[in-house]
Amino acid sequence: MKNDGFPVGNGDADSARVDDLRAAERRLQRAQLSSDVAALDRLIDDRLVFTGPDGRLYSKQDDLRAHRSGQQTMIRVDEEDLTALVVGGTGVTWFLGTLEGTQAGEPFLARVRYTRTWVLDEDEEWRLVAAHVGPAD
């Protein structure tokens, strides 16, 4: 995995938490790909604020509704790079990859960068609380 010189993980002390965070990120990717609303509901915090590619802010309910209704479908999520950082009970992931699917009936294919902020809940499970996506060259 390349990281362009940015810090990855937190050394040996938090390597288990970094591994758990990467696993949560990849569960999220699989849930998006299959529109698994139950899995998305578990992974996404109720307080989620997502900045979409249009610059608008979206909630957890907006995201779940898009998957549940079929307004958004994914047929491809190809991860090129995944960088993760954990500080205490907060984690950040930086995903670089290609997405393909439909949005409101229109097909799309885009190489994107997601920045996602995660928090550990009371059960020590990672939950997505904030995210931003933008185009990547």
N, C-alpha and C. Protein backbone atom coordinates (compact mmCIF):
# COMPACT_ATOMS: atom_id res chain seq x y z
N MET A 1 0.85 -1.17 0.00
CA MET A 1 0.00 0.00 0.00
C MET A 1 0.89 1.23 0.00
N LYS A 2 0.58 2.19 -0.87
CA LYS A 2 1.34 3.44 -0.87
C LYS A 2 0.63 4.45 0.00
N ASN A 3 1.41 5.41 0.53
CA ASN A 3 0.78 6.41 1.38
C ASN A 3 1.33 7.79 1.13
N ASP A 4 2.14 7.95 0.09
CA ASP A 4 2.64 9.26 -0.31
C ASP A 4 3.31 10.01 0.82
N GLY A 5 3.97 9.28 1.75
CA GLY A 5 4.72 9.93 2.81
C GLY A 5 3.92 10.34 4.03
N PHE A 6 2.63 10.10 4.04
CA PHE A 6 1.81 10.45 5.20
C PHE A 6 1.89 9.33 6.23
N PRO A 7 1.69 9.66 7.51
CA PRO A 7 1.76 8.61 8.53
C PRO A 7 0.65 7.58 8.35
N VAL A 8 1.01 6.33 8.54
CA VAL A 8 0.04 5.25 8.45
C VAL A 8 0.02 4.54 9.79
N GLY A 9 -1.16 4.34 10.33
CA GLY A 9 -1.27 3.64 11.60
C GLY A 9 -0.67 4.46 12.73
N ASN A 10 -0.35 3.79 13.81
CA ASN A 10 0.15 4.46 15.00
C ASN A 10 1.27 3.69 15.64
N GLY A 11 1.97 2.88 14.88
CA GLY A 11 3.00 2.06 15.48
C GLY A 11 2.39 0.83 16.11
N ASP A 12 3.20 0.09 16.83
CA ASP A 12 2.78 -1.19 17.38
C ASP A 12 1.69 -1.07 18.44
N ALA A 13 1.70 0.03 19.20
CA ALA A 13 0.76 0.16 20.32
C ALA A 13 -0.69 0.09 19.86
N ASP A 14 -1.01 0.71 18.75
CA ASP A 14 -2.39 0.75 18.29
C ASP A 14 -2.63 -0.06 17.02
N SER A 15 -1.70 -0.95 16.68
CA SER A 15 -1.84 -1.66 15.41
C SER A 15 -3.12 -2.48 15.34
N ALA A 16 -3.57 -3.04 16.46
CA ALA A 16 -4.81 -3.81 16.46
C ALA A 16 -5.99 -2.90 16.14
N ARG A 17 -6.02 -1.70 16.71
CA ARG A 17 -7.12 -0.77 16.43
C ARG A 17 -7.09 -0.31 14.98
N VAL A 18 -5.90 -0.07 14.44
CA VAL A 18 -5.78 0.31 13.03
C VAL A 18 -6.29 -0.82 12.15
N ASP A 19 -5.92 -2.06 12.47
CA ASP A 19 -6.40 -3.21 11.70
C ASP A 19 -7.92 -3.31 11.78
N ASP A 20 -8.48 -3.09 12.97
CA ASP A 20 -9.94 -3.13 13.14
C ASP A 20 -10.62 -2.02 12.33
N LEU A 21 -9.99 -0.85 12.29
CA LEU A 21 -10.54 0.27 11.53
C LEU A 21 -10.53 -0.04 10.04
N ARG A 22 -9.43 -0.57 9.55
CA ARG A 22 -9.37 -0.97 8.13
C ARG A 22 -10.45 -2.01 7.82
N ALA A 23 -10.66 -2.94 8.73
CA ALA A 23 -11.70 -3.96 8.53
C ALA A 23 -13.08 -3.32 8.48
N ALA A 24 -13.33 -2.33 9.33
CA ALA A 24 -14.62 -1.63 9.32
C ALA A 24 -14.81 -0.89 8.00
N GLU A 25 -13.76 -0.24 7.52
CA GLU A 25 -13.81 0.46 6.23
C GLU A 25 -14.16 -0.51 5.11
N ARG A 26 -13.56 -1.66 5.13
CA ARG A 26 -13.82 -2.64 4.06
C ARG A 26 -15.21 -3.26 4.20
N ARG A 27 -15.72 -3.40 5.43
CA ARG A 27 -17.11 -3.84 5.60
C ARG A 27 -18.06 -2.79 5.01
N LEU A 28 -17.73 -1.52 5.22
CA LEU A 28 -18.54 -0.44 4.66
C LEU A 28 -18.55 -0.52 3.13
N GLN A 29 -17.39 -0.73 2.54
CA GLN A 29 -17.30 -0.85 1.08
C GLN A 29 -18.18 -2.00 0.57
N ARG A 30 -18.10 -3.16 1.24
CA ARG A 30 -18.91 -4.31 0.83
C ARG A 30 -20.40 -4.01 0.98
N ALA A 31 -20.77 -3.34 2.07
CA ALA A 31 -22.18 -3.01 2.30
C ALA A 31 -22.68 -2.03 1.24
N GLN A 32 -21.84 -1.07 0.84
CA GLN A 32 -22.23 -0.13 -0.21
C GLN A 32 -22.42 -0.89 -1.53
N LEU A 33 -21.50 -1.79 -1.82
CA LEU A 33 -21.54 -2.53 -3.08
C LEU A 33 -22.81 -3.38 -3.19
N SER A 34 -23.23 -3.95 -2.08
CA SER A 34 -24.42 -4.82 -2.11
C SER A 34 -25.69 -4.12 -1.64
N SER A 35 -25.60 -2.81 -1.34
CA SER A 35 -26.74 -2.06 -0.78
C SER A 35 -27.33 -2.79 0.43
N ASP A 36 -26.44 -3.30 1.29
CA ASP A 36 -26.85 -4.00 2.51
C ASP A 36 -27.20 -2.95 3.56
N VAL A 37 -28.47 -2.56 3.59
CA VAL A 37 -28.93 -1.48 4.45
C VAL A 37 -28.75 -1.84 5.93
N ALA A 38 -28.95 -3.11 6.30
CA ALA A 38 -28.77 -3.50 7.71
C ALA A 38 -27.31 -3.32 8.13
N ALA A 39 -26.37 -3.71 7.29
CA ALA A 39 -24.95 -3.54 7.61
C ALA A 39 -24.59 -2.06 7.64
N LEU A 40 -25.10 -1.29 6.68
CA LEU A 40 -24.84 0.15 6.68
C LEU A 40 -25.38 0.80 7.95
N ASP A 41 -26.56 0.38 8.37
CA ASP A 41 -27.16 0.92 9.59
C ASP A 41 -26.27 0.67 10.81
N ARG A 42 -25.65 -0.51 10.87
CA ARG A 42 -24.76 -0.83 11.99
C ARG A 42 -23.45 -0.04 11.93
N LEU A 43 -22.93 0.19 10.73
CA LEU A 43 -21.63 0.84 10.56
C LEU A 43 -21.69 2.36 10.64
N ILE A 44 -22.85 2.93 10.35
CA ILE A 44 -22.97 4.39 10.28
C ILE A 44 -23.61 4.92 11.56
N ASP A 45 -22.95 5.88 12.17
CA ASP A 45 -23.46 6.53 13.37
C ASP A 45 -24.68 7.38 13.01
N ASP A 46 -25.63 7.48 13.94
CA ASP A 46 -26.84 8.28 13.69
C ASP A 46 -26.52 9.75 13.44
N ARG A 47 -25.37 10.22 13.90
CA ARG A 47 -24.98 11.63 13.75
C ARG A 47 -24.23 11.91 12.46
N LEU A 48 -24.14 10.95 11.56
CA LEU A 48 -23.36 11.10 10.34
C LEU A 48 -23.67 12.40 9.60
N VAL A 49 -22.61 13.06 9.16
CA VAL A 49 -22.71 14.16 8.20
C VAL A 49 -21.79 13.79 7.05
N PHE A 50 -22.35 13.64 5.86
CA PHE A 50 -21.60 13.26 4.68
C PHE A 50 -21.64 14.42 3.68
N THR A 51 -20.47 14.86 3.25
CA THR A 51 -20.37 15.87 2.19
C THR A 51 -20.23 15.12 0.88
N GLY A 52 -21.26 15.23 0.05
CA GLY A 52 -21.27 14.51 -1.22
C GLY A 52 -20.47 15.21 -2.30
N PRO A 53 -20.36 14.57 -3.45
CA PRO A 53 -19.59 15.14 -4.55
C PRO A 53 -20.19 16.45 -5.09
N ASP A 54 -21.47 16.69 -4.75
CA ASP A 54 -22.13 17.92 -5.17
C ASP A 54 -21.96 19.05 -4.15
N GLY A 55 -21.25 18.77 -3.05
CA GLY A 55 -21.02 19.77 -2.00
C GLY A 55 -22.14 19.85 -0.98
N ARG A 56 -23.21 19.10 -1.18
CA ARG A 56 -24.32 19.11 -0.23
C ARG A 56 -24.04 18.19 0.95
N LEU A 57 -24.71 18.47 2.06
CA LEU A 57 -24.59 17.64 3.25
C LEU A 57 -25.73 16.63 3.30
N TYR A 58 -25.39 15.40 3.66
CA TYR A 58 -26.36 14.32 3.73
C TYR A 58 -26.27 13.65 5.10
N SER A 59 -27.39 13.06 5.54
CA SER A 59 -27.47 12.37 6.83
C SER A 59 -27.40 10.86 6.61
N LYS A 60 -27.35 10.16 7.72
CA LYS A 60 -27.42 8.70 7.68
C LYS A 60 -28.70 8.25 7.00
N GLN A 61 -29.81 8.88 7.36
CA GLN A 61 -31.10 8.49 6.78
C GLN A 61 -31.13 8.73 5.27
N ASP A 62 -30.50 9.81 4.82
CA ASP A 62 -30.40 10.05 3.37
C ASP A 62 -29.67 8.90 2.69
N ASP A 63 -28.55 8.48 3.28
CA ASP A 63 -27.74 7.41 2.71
C ASP A 63 -28.50 6.09 2.68
N LEU A 64 -29.12 5.75 3.80
CA LEU A 64 -29.88 4.50 3.86
C LEU A 64 -31.04 4.51 2.88
N ARG A 65 -31.73 5.64 2.78
CA ARG A 65 -32.86 5.77 1.85
C ARG A 65 -32.40 5.56 0.40
N ALA A 66 -31.25 6.13 0.04
CA ALA A 66 -30.74 6.00 -1.34
C ALA A 66 -30.47 4.53 -1.67
N HIS A 67 -29.91 3.78 -0.71
CA HIS A 67 -29.64 2.36 -0.95
C HIS A 67 -30.92 1.54 -0.92
N ARG A 68 -31.78 1.82 0.04
CA ARG A 68 -33.02 1.05 0.20
C ARG A 68 -33.92 1.20 -1.03
N SER A 69 -34.00 2.40 -1.58
CA SER A 69 -34.90 2.69 -2.70
C SER A 69 -34.33 2.29 -4.05
N GLY A 70 -33.04 2.00 -4.09
CA GLY A 70 -32.39 1.71 -5.37
C GLY A 70 -31.98 2.96 -6.12
N GLN A 71 -32.17 4.14 -5.50
CA GLN A 71 -31.75 5.39 -6.13
C GLN A 71 -30.24 5.39 -6.37
N GLN A 72 -29.52 4.72 -5.47
CA GLN A 72 -28.07 4.56 -5.65
C GLN A 72 -27.74 3.08 -5.63
N THR A 73 -27.05 2.63 -6.64
CA THR A 73 -26.57 1.25 -6.68
C THR A 73 -25.11 1.28 -7.11
N MET A 74 -24.36 0.35 -6.56
CA MET A 74 -22.94 0.23 -6.90
C MET A 74 -22.73 -1.12 -7.55
N ILE A 75 -21.94 -1.12 -8.61
CA ILE A 75 -21.57 -2.40 -9.22
C ILE A 75 -20.06 -2.62 -9.14
N ARG A 76 -19.35 -1.59 -8.67
CA ARG A 76 -17.89 -1.72 -8.57
C ARG A 76 -17.35 -0.78 -7.50
N VAL A 77 -16.55 -1.32 -6.61
CA VAL A 77 -15.79 -0.54 -5.64
C VAL A 77 -14.38 -1.13 -5.65
N ASP A 78 -13.46 -0.48 -6.34
CA ASP A 78 -12.08 -0.95 -6.45
C ASP A 78 -11.18 -0.07 -5.61
N GLU A 79 -10.67 -0.64 -4.53
CA GLU A 79 -9.76 0.09 -3.63
C GLU A 79 -8.34 0.06 -4.20
N GLU A 80 -7.76 1.23 -4.39
CA GLU A 80 -6.36 1.34 -4.80
C GLU A 80 -5.45 1.56 -3.60
N ASP A 81 -5.94 2.32 -2.64
CA ASP A 81 -5.14 2.67 -1.47
C ASP A 81 -6.08 2.91 -0.30
N LEU A 82 -5.65 2.48 0.87
CA LEU A 82 -6.40 2.73 2.09
C LEU A 82 -5.41 3.05 3.21
N THR A 83 -5.44 4.29 3.65
CA THR A 83 -4.59 4.75 4.75
C THR A 83 -5.48 4.94 5.97
N ALA A 84 -4.95 4.59 7.14
CA ALA A 84 -5.74 4.69 8.37
C ALA A 84 -4.89 5.27 9.49
N LEU A 85 -5.56 6.03 10.35
CA LEU A 85 -4.92 6.63 11.51
C LEU A 85 -5.89 6.53 12.68
N VAL A 86 -5.39 6.13 13.84
CA VAL A 86 -6.21 6.05 15.05
C VAL A 86 -5.56 6.92 16.11
N VAL A 87 -6.39 7.77 16.71
CA VAL A 87 -5.95 8.60 17.84
C VAL A 87 -7.02 8.43 18.92
N GLY A 88 -6.67 7.69 19.96
CA GLY A 88 -7.64 7.41 21.01
C GLY A 88 -8.82 6.64 20.45
N GLY A 89 -10.03 7.17 20.66
CA GLY A 89 -11.25 6.53 20.17
C GLY A 89 -11.73 7.08 18.85
N THR A 90 -10.86 7.79 18.14
CA THR A 90 -11.21 8.37 16.84
C THR A 90 -10.29 7.79 15.77
N GLY A 91 -10.87 7.47 14.63
CA GLY A 91 -10.09 6.96 13.52
C GLY A 91 -10.43 7.72 12.25
N VAL A 92 -9.46 7.81 11.37
CA VAL A 92 -9.68 8.43 10.07
C VAL A 92 -9.16 7.47 9.01
N THR A 93 -9.96 7.30 7.94
CA THR A 93 -9.51 6.51 6.79
C THR A 93 -9.52 7.39 5.56
N TRP A 94 -8.54 7.14 4.70
CA TRP A 94 -8.46 7.80 3.40
C TRP A 94 -8.47 6.71 2.36
N PHE A 95 -9.57 6.64 1.62
CA PHE A 95 -9.78 5.64 0.57
C PHE A 95 -9.54 6.30 -0.78
N LEU A 96 -8.79 5.64 -1.64
CA LEU A 96 -8.62 6.06 -3.02
C LEU A 96 -9.03 4.88 -3.89
N GLY A 97 -9.95 5.12 -4.82
CA GLY A 97 -10.37 4.02 -5.68
C GLY A 97 -11.39 4.46 -6.71
N THR A 98 -11.88 3.46 -7.42
CA THR A 98 -12.83 3.68 -8.51
C THR A 98 -14.19 3.11 -8.12
N LEU A 99 -15.22 3.90 -8.33
CA LEU A 99 -16.60 3.50 -8.07
C LEU A 99 -17.37 3.49 -9.38
N GLU A 100 -18.27 2.53 -9.50
CA GLU A 100 -19.15 2.49 -10.67
C GLU A 100 -20.53 2.07 -10.20
N GLY A 101 -21.54 2.69 -10.77
CA GLY A 101 -22.90 2.36 -10.40
C GLY A 101 -23.88 3.30 -11.05
N THR A 102 -25.02 3.49 -10.40
CA THR A 102 -26.03 4.44 -10.88
C THR A 102 -26.45 5.34 -9.72
N GLN A 103 -26.75 6.56 -10.04
CA GLN A 103 -27.28 7.53 -9.08
C GLN A 103 -28.49 8.18 -9.74
N ALA A 104 -29.65 8.00 -9.13
CA ALA A 104 -30.90 8.53 -9.68
C ALA A 104 -31.08 8.09 -11.14
N GLY A 105 -30.76 6.83 -11.41
CA GLY A 105 -30.96 6.27 -12.73
C GLY A 105 -29.87 6.58 -13.74
N GLU A 106 -28.92 7.41 -13.37
CA GLU A 106 -27.83 7.79 -14.29
C GLU A 106 -26.57 7.01 -13.94
N PRO A 107 -25.97 6.37 -14.94
CA PRO A 107 -24.73 5.64 -14.65
C PRO A 107 -23.58 6.59 -14.34
N PHE A 108 -22.67 6.12 -13.49
CA PHE A 108 -21.47 6.90 -13.20
C PHE A 108 -20.27 5.96 -13.07
N LEU A 109 -19.11 6.49 -13.36
CA LEU A 109 -17.83 5.83 -13.18
C LEU A 109 -16.88 6.93 -12.74
N ALA A 110 -16.29 6.78 -11.55
CA ALA A 110 -15.46 7.86 -11.03
C ALA A 110 -14.33 7.31 -10.16
N ARG A 111 -13.18 7.92 -10.31
CA ARG A 111 -12.07 7.68 -9.40
C ARG A 111 -12.18 8.75 -8.32
N VAL A 112 -12.27 8.31 -7.06
CA VAL A 112 -12.57 9.24 -5.96
C VAL A 112 -11.64 9.03 -4.78
N ARG A 113 -11.63 10.05 -3.91
CA ARG A 113 -10.95 9.98 -2.62
C ARG A 113 -12.01 10.25 -1.56
N TYR A 114 -12.18 9.29 -0.65
CA TYR A 114 -13.03 9.48 0.51
C TYR A 114 -12.14 9.75 1.71
N THR A 115 -12.54 10.70 2.53
CA THR A 115 -11.97 10.88 3.87
C THR A 115 -13.11 10.59 4.83
N ARG A 116 -12.89 9.60 5.70
CA ARG A 116 -13.95 9.20 6.61
C ARG A 116 -13.44 9.26 8.05
N THR A 117 -14.27 9.79 8.93
CA THR A 117 -13.96 9.87 10.35
C THR A 117 -14.85 8.88 11.10
N TRP A 118 -14.21 8.08 11.93
CA TRP A 118 -14.88 7.02 12.66
C TRP A 118 -14.70 7.24 14.17
N VAL A 119 -15.66 6.76 14.95
CA VAL A 119 -15.55 6.79 16.41
C VAL A 119 -15.85 5.39 16.94
N LEU A 120 -15.20 5.07 18.04
CA LEU A 120 -15.50 3.80 18.72
C LEU A 120 -16.75 3.99 19.57
N ASP A 121 -17.70 3.07 19.45
CA ASP A 121 -18.90 3.16 20.28
C ASP A 121 -18.66 2.45 21.60
N GLU A 122 -19.69 2.37 22.42
CA GLU A 122 -19.56 1.77 23.75
C GLU A 122 -19.22 0.28 23.69
N ASP A 123 -19.47 -0.36 22.55
CA ASP A 123 -19.14 -1.78 22.37
C ASP A 123 -17.78 -1.98 21.69
N GLU A 124 -17.02 -0.86 21.56
CA GLU A 124 -15.70 -0.90 20.91
C GLU A 124 -15.80 -1.27 19.44
N GLU A 125 -16.90 -0.86 18.80
CA GLU A 125 -17.09 -1.05 17.36
C GLU A 125 -16.93 0.29 16.67
N TRP A 126 -16.29 0.29 15.50
CA TRP A 126 -16.12 1.53 14.74
C TRP A 126 -17.42 1.91 14.05
N ARG A 127 -17.78 3.21 14.17
CA ARG A 127 -18.97 3.73 13.51
C ARG A 127 -18.60 5.00 12.78
N LEU A 128 -19.07 5.11 11.55
CA LEU A 128 -18.76 6.25 10.70
C LEU A 128 -19.57 7.46 11.14
N VAL A 129 -18.88 8.58 11.42
CA VAL A 129 -19.57 9.78 11.91
C VAL A 129 -19.47 10.95 10.93
N ALA A 130 -18.47 10.96 10.07
CA ALA A 130 -18.33 12.04 9.09
C ALA A 130 -17.58 11.53 7.87
N ALA A 131 -17.92 12.07 6.71
CA ALA A 131 -17.25 11.65 5.48
C ALA A 131 -17.33 12.74 4.45
N HIS A 132 -16.37 12.70 3.56
CA HIS A 132 -16.30 13.63 2.43
C HIS A 132 -15.76 12.87 1.24
N VAL A 133 -16.33 13.12 0.08
CA VAL A 133 -15.83 12.49 -1.14
C VAL A 133 -15.59 13.55 -2.19
N GLY A 134 -14.53 13.36 -2.94
CA GLY A 134 -14.21 14.27 -4.04
C GLY A 134 -13.51 13.51 -5.15
N PRO A 135 -13.43 14.13 -6.32
CA PRO A 135 -12.78 13.48 -7.46
C PRO A 135 -11.27 13.33 -7.21
N ALA A 136 -10.70 12.27 -7.78
CA ALA A 136 -9.26 12.04 -7.71
C ALA A 136 -8.75 11.89 -9.14
N ASP A 137 -7.66 12.52 -9.42
CA ASP A 137 -7.06 12.39 -10.77
C ASP A 137 -6.36 11.07 -10.91
